[in-house]
Amino acid sequence: MFFHTLQDGKTSTMNTELLKELVEGHGVPGQEDLIRTIVARELKGICELSTDNMGNLIALKRGTGGGKKLMLAAHMDEIGFVVKFIDKDGFIRLNPMGGFDPRQLNSQRVIVHTAKGPINGVLMYGTKPKHLLTDAEASAGQNLDSFFVDCGLGEKTSDSVSIGDMVSMSRTMIQLGDLFSCKAMDDRACVFIMIEAVKKAKNHAVDVYAVATVQEEIGLRGATAAGSAIAPDVVVALDVTLANDIPGVTEQDHVTKLGKGAAIKIMDSSLICHPKVVDHFRQLAIKNKIPYQMEVLPRGGTDAGGVQRLHGGIPAFTLSTPTRYIHTVNETVHKDDVQACIDLLAKYIEDAHNGKYSYD
């Protein structure tokens, strides 16, 4: 547990064991089974649980009345790979599942998830050693097609590894001062926030559909399917956003900063958040003295963008968690920002029935 000091000076505990379990768990798009099991375990007895044909876990926490439906969406999948080819010497070629930057992948350790169990491997770039490179070769860019995995099994690799097996990054969560760093903070930190906020919210009139979604990283697919079935009155996606407050990035491009609070999204490339929902969240943050910052993300999208255009249009919004080094194995969040997101989302669940989002 991590002890956290609240605004009123009281101390609460953050369930870092659960956060660690979620981010260290493995699940690329279409293979989110382990994460779904963890979320179901955490919300069993609190919500009515069901799984749709896409693999989305839908946790319904009924309200006291009024009939309004609030959909929350946090995606379970992480960027990674699946096996697409195994050559005669046992080297594995990969199909990407989501957007890794090839520059961040050199000499990483991976896990190949086979029917016989997980197998360790090293992810390497298909090039000559530095000692043998010409200046032109050394300065050339990299591409994903040139990476391969070596499991050390040689020609016996195919006895254990099959086409379509998941390949994920091998990384454990570490604490850096007030920061937590691991693979898959995108979006497991927000799955954690959704779980904790649903638990924390007490009296609420709306019916809360907390959806742990699948296949977000390859096109917002799970949320779109779930939103079509639920037909919510409002949807709130929970996702990470860029915190570029690091050397080499000008301040105007920081987007958000770690430790400055929950990020209230105005827009990204998948949606313009409903301005009345944006204002609702901002006023709740001010009223409850919850630290927040406003976010405009030039590129990138969230599950809210997949739900917004359904059923003639659904008021949509994203509550974001500032994160450094997104889409690397060192995605990093600040404990205070995570707590602010939990607190603000819980307050919104309790107050969502007061939202008036029509343009009449």
Protein backbone atom coordinates (compact mmCIF):
# COMPACT_ATOMS: atom_id res chain seq x y z
CA MET A 1 0.00 0.00 0.00
CA PHE A 2 1.09 3.57 -0.67
CA PHE A 3 0.03 6.11 1.96
CA HIS A 4 -1.44 9.23 0.36
CA THR A 5 -2.15 12.56 2.04
CA LEU A 6 -5.47 14.08 1.00
CA GLN A 7 -6.34 17.78 0.65
CA ASP A 8 -7.88 17.87 4.13
CA GLY A 9 -4.73 16.44 5.67
CA LYS A 10 -6.17 12.99 6.26
CA THR A 11 -4.29 9.92 5.10
CA SER A 12 -5.65 7.21 2.83
CA THR A 13 -4.01 4.22 1.20
CA MET A 14 -3.68 3.58 -2.50
CA ASN A 15 -3.91 -0.07 -3.49
CA THR A 16 -0.58 -0.20 -5.28
CA GLU A 17 -0.62 -3.99 -5.18
CA LEU A 18 -3.61 -3.92 -7.52
CA LEU A 19 -1.99 -1.30 -9.75
CA LYS A 20 1.15 -3.44 -9.92
CA GLU A 21 -0.86 -6.56 -10.78
CA LEU A 22 -2.66 -4.75 -13.57
CA VAL A 23 0.34 -3.13 -15.24
CA GLU A 24 2.53 -6.21 -14.94
CA GLY A 25 -0.26 -8.38 -16.37
CA HIS A 26 -0.20 -9.21 -20.07
CA GLY A 27 -2.86 -8.69 -22.71
CA VAL A 28 -2.43 -7.36 -26.24
CA PRO A 29 -5.51 -6.50 -28.34
CA GLY A 30 -7.75 -9.53 -28.66
CA GLN A 31 -6.00 -11.42 -25.84
CA GLU A 32 -7.07 -9.48 -22.72
CA ASP A 33 -8.26 -12.54 -20.75
CA LEU A 34 -5.95 -12.14 -17.74
CA ILE A 35 -6.85 -8.50 -17.19
CA ARG A 36 -10.56 -9.24 -17.54
CA THR A 37 -10.22 -11.83 -14.77
CA ILE A 38 -8.57 -9.30 -12.44
CA VAL A 39 -11.23 -6.63 -13.05
CA ALA A 40 -14.04 -9.15 -12.54
CA ARG A 41 -12.49 -10.26 -9.26
CA GLU A 42 -12.28 -6.68 -8.01
CA LEU A 43 -15.85 -5.71 -8.91
CA LYS A 44 -17.58 -8.98 -8.04
CA GLY A 45 -20.23 -8.37 -5.40
CA ILE A 46 -20.28 -4.65 -6.15
CA CYS A 47 -21.54 -4.82 -9.73
CA GLU A 48 -23.52 -7.14 -11.96
CA LEU A 49 -20.93 -8.64 -14.30
CA SER A 50 -21.25 -9.78 -17.89
CA THR A 51 -18.94 -10.25 -20.87
CA ASP A 52 -20.04 -9.47 -24.41
CA ASN A 53 -19.03 -11.23 -27.61
CA MET A 54 -16.12 -8.83 -28.16
CA GLY A 55 -14.63 -9.64 -24.76
CA ASN A 56 -15.58 -6.38 -23.03
CA LEU A 57 -16.29 -6.83 -19.33
CA ILE A 58 -19.40 -4.84 -18.40
CA ALA A 59 -19.85 -4.11 -14.70
CA LEU A 60 -23.25 -2.61 -13.90
CA LYS A 61 -23.63 -0.76 -10.62
CA ARG A 62 -27.26 0.28 -10.35
CA GLY A 63 -28.24 3.71 -9.11
CA THR A 64 -31.10 4.83 -6.93
CA GLY A 65 -33.33 5.75 -9.83
CA GLY A 66 -33.96 8.07 -12.72
CA GLY A 67 -33.00 5.66 -15.46
CA LYS A 68 -30.00 7.55 -16.83
CA LYS A 69 -27.08 5.43 -17.98
CA LEU A 70 -23.47 6.50 -17.44
CA MET A 71 -20.90 4.48 -19.37
CA LEU A 72 -17.30 4.43 -18.19
CA ALA A 73 -14.68 2.98 -20.53
CA ALA A 74 -11.10 2.01 -19.71
CA HIS A 75 -9.28 -0.29 -22.08
CA MET A 76 -7.57 -3.48 -20.93
CA ASP A 77 -5.32 -4.04 -23.94
CA GLU A 78 -1.68 -2.97 -24.17
CA ILE A 79 0.46 -2.45 -27.23
CA GLY A 80 2.51 -5.50 -28.13
CA PHE A 81 2.86 -8.10 -30.85
CA VAL A 82 1.74 -11.47 -32.12
CA VAL A 83 3.94 -14.06 -33.78
CA LYS A 84 3.59 -13.95 -37.58
CA PHE A 85 6.49 -16.16 -38.74
CA ILE A 86 9.14 -18.53 -37.35
CA ASP A 87 12.14 -19.20 -39.57
CA LYS A 88 14.07 -22.49 -39.81
CA ASP A 89 16.58 -21.29 -37.19
CA GLY A 90 13.86 -20.44 -34.69
CA PHE A 91 13.92 -16.65 -34.96
CA ILE A 92 10.45 -15.15 -34.53
CA ARG A 93 9.05 -12.32 -36.65
CA LEU A 94 6.32 -10.10 -35.28
CA ASN A 95 3.10 -8.38 -36.25
CA PRO A 96 2.61 -5.17 -34.21
CA MET A 97 -0.57 -4.74 -32.19
CA GLY A 98 -0.62 -0.99 -31.57
CA GLY A 99 1.88 1.78 -32.04
CA PHE A 100 5.35 1.18 -30.64
CA ASP A 101 8.04 3.64 -31.69
CA PRO A 102 10.79 1.44 -33.20
CA ARG A 103 13.44 3.74 -31.68
CA GLN A 104 12.34 2.60 -28.19
CA LEU A 105 12.49 -1.15 -28.82
CA ASN A 106 16.18 -1.97 -29.08
CA SER A 107 17.43 -4.83 -26.90
CA GLN A 108 14.25 -5.28 -24.86
CA ARG A 109 13.23 -8.47 -23.08
CA VAL A 110 9.88 -10.00 -24.02
CA ILE A 111 7.62 -12.88 -23.08
CA VAL A 112 6.13 -15.18 -25.71
CA HIS A 113 2.84 -16.54 -24.38
CA THR A 114 2.39 -20.07 -25.71
CA ALA A 115 -0.13 -22.83 -25.09
CA LYS A 116 2.61 -24.56 -23.07
CA GLY A 117 3.26 -21.47 -20.95
CA PRO A 118 5.31 -18.27 -21.12
CA ILE A 119 8.76 -18.35 -22.71
CA ASN A 120 11.40 -15.65 -22.27
CA GLY A 121 12.91 -13.98 -25.30
CA VAL A 122 15.03 -11.04 -26.35
CA LEU A 123 13.80 -8.51 -28.90
CA MET A 124 16.64 -7.55 -31.21
CA TYR A 125 17.13 -5.49 -34.34
CA GLY A 126 18.30 -7.33 -37.45
CA THR A 127 21.52 -5.49 -38.10
CA LYS A 128 25.26 -5.96 -37.93
CA PRO A 129 26.95 -5.16 -34.59
CA LYS A 130 27.99 -1.53 -34.16
CA HIS A 131 31.63 -2.50 -34.71
CA LEU A 132 30.86 -3.52 -38.31
CA LEU A 133 28.51 -0.71 -39.35
CA THR A 134 29.44 1.94 -41.88
CA ASP A 135 28.57 5.56 -41.02
CA ALA A 136 25.63 5.41 -43.44
CA GLU A 137 24.31 2.19 -41.92
CA ALA A 138 24.66 3.54 -38.38
CA SER A 139 22.62 6.65 -39.18
CA ALA A 140 19.80 4.82 -41.01
CA GLY A 141 16.35 4.72 -39.42
CA GLN A 142 14.70 1.65 -37.96
CA ASN A 143 11.52 -0.19 -38.88
CA LEU A 144 9.47 -2.79 -37.04
CA ASP A 145 9.84 -5.39 -39.79
CA SER A 146 13.54 -5.73 -38.98
CA PHE A 147 13.01 -6.75 -35.34
CA PHE A 148 12.99 -10.39 -34.30
CA VAL A 149 12.71 -12.43 -31.09
CA ASP A 150 15.30 -14.98 -30.02
CA CYS A 151 14.00 -17.47 -27.42
CA GLY A 152 17.19 -19.50 -27.45
CA LEU A 153 15.41 -22.64 -28.65
CA GLY A 154 16.82 -22.72 -32.16
CA GLU A 155 15.06 -25.05 -34.58
CA LYS A 156 12.93 -26.39 -31.70
CA THR A 157 11.15 -23.03 -31.32
CA SER A 158 8.21 -24.21 -33.43
CA ASP A 159 7.61 -27.09 -31.01
CA SER A 160 6.35 -24.54 -28.46
CA VAL A 161 5.62 -21.29 -30.31
CA SER A 162 2.70 -20.92 -32.72
CA ILE A 163 1.62 -18.30 -35.19
CA GLY A 164 -0.70 -15.87 -33.37
CA ASP A 165 0.91 -16.28 -29.93
CA MET A 166 1.00 -13.05 -27.93
CA VAL A 167 4.35 -11.34 -27.39
CA SER A 168 4.47 -8.73 -24.64
CA MET A 169 7.16 -6.72 -22.94
CA SER A 170 8.86 -8.13 -19.85
CA ARG A 171 8.84 -5.35 -17.26
CA THR A 172 8.05 -4.94 -13.55
CA MET A 173 6.63 -1.84 -11.87
CA ILE A 174 9.08 0.33 -9.98
CA GLN A 175 8.62 3.37 -7.76
CA LEU A 176 10.60 6.54 -8.47
CA GLY A 177 9.92 8.94 -5.63
CA ASP A 178 6.22 9.78 -6.04
CA LEU A 179 6.12 8.19 -9.48
CA PHE A 180 5.25 4.69 -10.66
CA SER A 181 6.77 3.32 -13.86
CA CYS A 182 6.04 0.20 -15.90
CA LYS A 183 4.80 -1.03 -19.23
CA ALA A 184 1.04 -0.81 -19.86
CA MET A 185 0.18 2.19 -17.66
CA ASP A 186 -1.70 2.86 -20.90
CA ASP A 187 -4.30 1.97 -19.99
CA ARG A 188 -4.11 -0.22 -16.88
CA ALA A 189 -3.57 2.81 -14.62
CA CYS A 190 -6.98 3.98 -15.82
CA VAL A 191 -8.55 0.53 -15.40
CA PHE A 192 -7.29 0.85 -11.81
CA ILE A 193 -8.82 4.34 -11.53
CA MET A 194 -12.16 3.06 -12.82
CA ILE A 195 -12.21 0.17 -10.34
CA GLU A 196 -11.31 2.39 -7.39
CA ALA A 197 -13.76 5.15 -8.31
CA VAL A 198 -16.64 2.68 -8.74
CA LYS A 199 -15.84 1.32 -5.30
CA LYS A 200 -15.54 4.80 -3.79
CA ALA A 201 -18.73 6.30 -5.23
CA LYS A 202 -21.50 5.80 -2.69
CA ASN A 203 -24.91 7.30 -3.43
CA HIS A 204 -25.60 7.83 -7.12
CA ALA A 205 -28.81 8.06 -9.11
CA VAL A 206 -27.41 6.97 -12.47
CA ASP A 207 -26.84 3.38 -13.48
CA VAL A 208 -23.08 3.04 -13.93
CA TYR A 209 -21.84 0.76 -16.70
CA ALA A 210 -18.12 0.40 -15.98
CA VAL A 211 -16.72 -1.23 -19.11
CA ALA A 212 -13.22 -2.70 -19.26
CA THR A 213 -12.86 -2.55 -23.01
CA VAL A 214 -10.85 -4.54 -25.55
CA GLN A 215 -8.95 -3.66 -28.72
CA GLU A 216 -8.68 0.08 -28.11
CA GLU A 217 -5.12 0.24 -29.38
CA ILE A 218 -6.11 -0.98 -32.84
CA GLY A 219 -9.14 1.23 -33.38
CA LEU A 220 -11.45 1.76 -30.36
CA ARG A 221 -13.26 -1.44 -31.35
CA GLY A 222 -14.45 -2.82 -28.02
CA ALA A 223 -15.85 0.47 -26.73
CA THR A 224 -17.75 1.04 -29.96
CA ALA A 225 -19.42 -2.36 -29.66
CA ALA A 226 -20.23 -1.87 -25.97
CA GLY A 227 -21.54 1.64 -26.53
CA SER A 228 -23.82 0.38 -29.28
CA ALA A 229 -25.34 -2.19 -26.91
CA ILE A 230 -25.57 0.01 -23.81
CA ALA A 231 -26.75 3.20 -25.55
CA PRO A 232 -25.63 5.40 -22.63
CA ASP A 233 -26.86 8.92 -21.92
CA VAL A 234 -23.24 10.00 -21.44
CA VAL A 235 -19.87 8.27 -21.80
CA VAL A 236 -16.67 9.02 -19.91
CA ALA A 237 -13.52 7.36 -21.21
CA LEU A 238 -10.53 6.96 -18.92
CA ASP A 239 -7.18 7.05 -20.62
CA VAL A 240 -3.66 8.37 -20.33
CA THR A 241 -2.43 11.53 -22.01
CA LEU A 242 0.98 12.93 -22.80
CA ALA A 243 3.02 14.53 -20.06
CA ASN A 244 5.90 15.90 -22.12
CA ASP A 245 7.42 17.86 -19.23
CA ILE A 246 10.89 16.51 -20.01
CA PRO A 247 14.12 17.77 -21.57
CA GLY A 248 13.94 18.26 -25.32
CA VAL A 249 10.27 19.35 -25.46
CA THR A 250 9.21 23.00 -25.42
CA GLU A 251 6.71 24.03 -22.74
CA GLN A 252 3.97 24.73 -25.27
CA ASP A 253 4.12 21.05 -26.25
CA HIS A 254 4.03 19.59 -22.74
CA VAL A 255 0.24 18.93 -23.05
CA THR A 256 0.16 18.10 -19.30
CA LYS A 257 2.63 17.92 -16.40
CA LEU A 258 3.09 15.20 -13.81
CA GLY A 259 1.87 16.05 -10.31
CA LYS A 260 -0.46 18.85 -11.41
CA GLY A 261 -3.67 16.83 -11.15
CA ALA A 262 -6.25 15.05 -13.27
CA ALA A 263 -6.39 16.15 -16.90
CA ILE A 264 -9.74 17.40 -18.14
CA LYS A 265 -9.68 16.80 -21.87
CA ILE A 266 -10.99 19.42 -24.26
CA MET A 267 -10.16 17.55 -27.45
CA ASP A 268 -7.94 15.03 -29.20
CA SER A 269 -7.92 13.69 -32.74
CA SER A 270 -10.78 11.27 -32.07
CA LEU A 271 -13.28 13.70 -30.50
CA ILE A 272 -14.11 17.16 -29.27
CA CYS A 273 -15.37 16.53 -25.76
CA HIS A 274 -18.89 17.75 -25.07
CA PRO A 275 -18.33 21.26 -23.65
CA LYS A 276 -21.04 20.89 -21.02
CA VAL A 277 -19.51 17.67 -19.71
CA VAL A 278 -16.09 19.36 -19.69
CA ASP A 279 -17.55 22.19 -17.60
CA HIS A 280 -19.30 19.72 -15.27
CA PHE A 281 -16.00 18.01 -14.49
CA ARG A 282 -14.19 21.32 -14.07
CA GLN A 283 -16.78 22.69 -11.65
CA LEU A 284 -16.70 19.47 -9.60
CA ALA A 285 -12.91 19.69 -9.38
CA ILE A 286 -13.10 23.29 -8.19
CA LYS A 287 -15.91 22.61 -5.72
CA ASN A 288 -14.14 19.61 -4.19
CA LYS A 289 -10.62 21.11 -4.32
CA ILE A 290 -9.35 18.32 -6.56
CA PRO A 291 -6.19 19.30 -8.50
CA TYR A 292 -6.77 19.42 -12.24
CA GLN A 293 -5.30 20.70 -15.50
CA MET A 294 -6.85 21.28 -18.90
CA GLU A 295 -5.74 19.14 -21.83
CA VAL A 296 -5.61 19.67 -25.59
CA LEU A 297 -4.02 16.64 -27.27
CA PRO A 298 -3.01 17.27 -30.90
CA ARG A 299 -2.86 13.58 -31.87
CA GLY A 300 -4.24 10.38 -30.37
CA GLY A 301 -7.69 9.13 -29.48
CA THR A 302 -9.68 7.41 -26.75
CA ASP A 303 -12.68 5.13 -26.36
CA ALA A 304 -14.94 8.18 -26.06
CA GLY A 305 -14.34 8.85 -29.73
CA GLY A 306 -15.68 5.42 -30.60
CA VAL A 307 -18.90 5.92 -28.63
CA GLN A 308 -19.61 9.59 -29.35
CA ARG A 309 -21.04 9.07 -32.83
CA LEU A 310 -23.41 6.21 -31.97
CA HIS A 311 -27.21 6.47 -31.74
CA GLY A 312 -27.34 9.90 -33.29
CA GLY A 313 -24.69 11.29 -30.97
CA ILE A 314 -23.83 10.68 -27.30
CA PRO A 315 -22.32 13.31 -24.97
CA ALA A 316 -18.72 12.13 -24.60
CA PHE A 317 -15.73 13.10 -22.51
CA THR A 318 -12.33 11.74 -21.49
CA LEU A 319 -10.76 12.06 -18.05
CA SER A 320 -7.03 11.68 -18.61
CA THR A 321 -4.11 10.60 -16.47
CA PRO A 322 -0.89 12.52 -17.27
CA THR A 323 1.79 10.02 -18.27
CA ARG A 324 5.41 10.36 -19.34
CA TYR A 325 7.01 8.12 -21.97
CA ILE A 326 3.73 6.81 -23.43
CA HIS A 327 4.03 3.76 -25.71
CA THR A 328 7.34 2.71 -24.20
CA VAL A 329 8.15 0.14 -21.51
CA ASN A 330 8.67 2.97 -19.00
CA GLU A 331 5.26 4.65 -18.94
CA THR A 332 5.27 6.78 -15.80
CA VAL A 333 2.49 8.32 -13.68
CA HIS A 334 2.40 10.42 -10.50
CA LYS A 335 0.54 9.04 -7.49
CA ASP A 336 -1.20 12.37 -6.86
CA ASP A 337 -2.58 12.50 -10.40
CA VAL A 338 -3.90 8.95 -10.13
CA GLN A 339 -5.59 9.80 -6.83
CA ALA A 340 -7.03 13.02 -8.27
CA CYS A 341 -8.57 11.04 -11.14
CA ILE A 342 -10.10 8.54 -8.70
CA ASP A 343 -11.52 11.32 -6.54
CA LEU A 344 -12.89 13.36 -9.46
CA LEU A 345 -14.47 10.37 -11.19
CA ALA A 346 -16.13 9.23 -7.95
CA LYS A 347 -17.57 12.73 -7.45
CA TYR A 348 -18.84 12.76 -11.02
CA ILE A 349 -20.55 9.37 -10.62
CA GLU A 350 -22.38 10.76 -7.60
CA ASP A 351 -23.36 13.96 -9.44
CA ALA A 352 -23.86 12.72 -13.00
CA HIS A 353 -27.66 12.84 -12.71
CA ASN A 354 -27.42 16.62 -12.48
CA GLY A 355 -25.77 16.89 -15.88
CA LYS A 356 -27.79 18.74 -18.50
CA TYR A 357 -26.03 18.23 -21.81
CA SER A 358 -28.64 19.06 -24.45
CA TYR A 359 -28.20 22.01 -26.81
CA ASP A 360 -31.84 23.09 -26.49
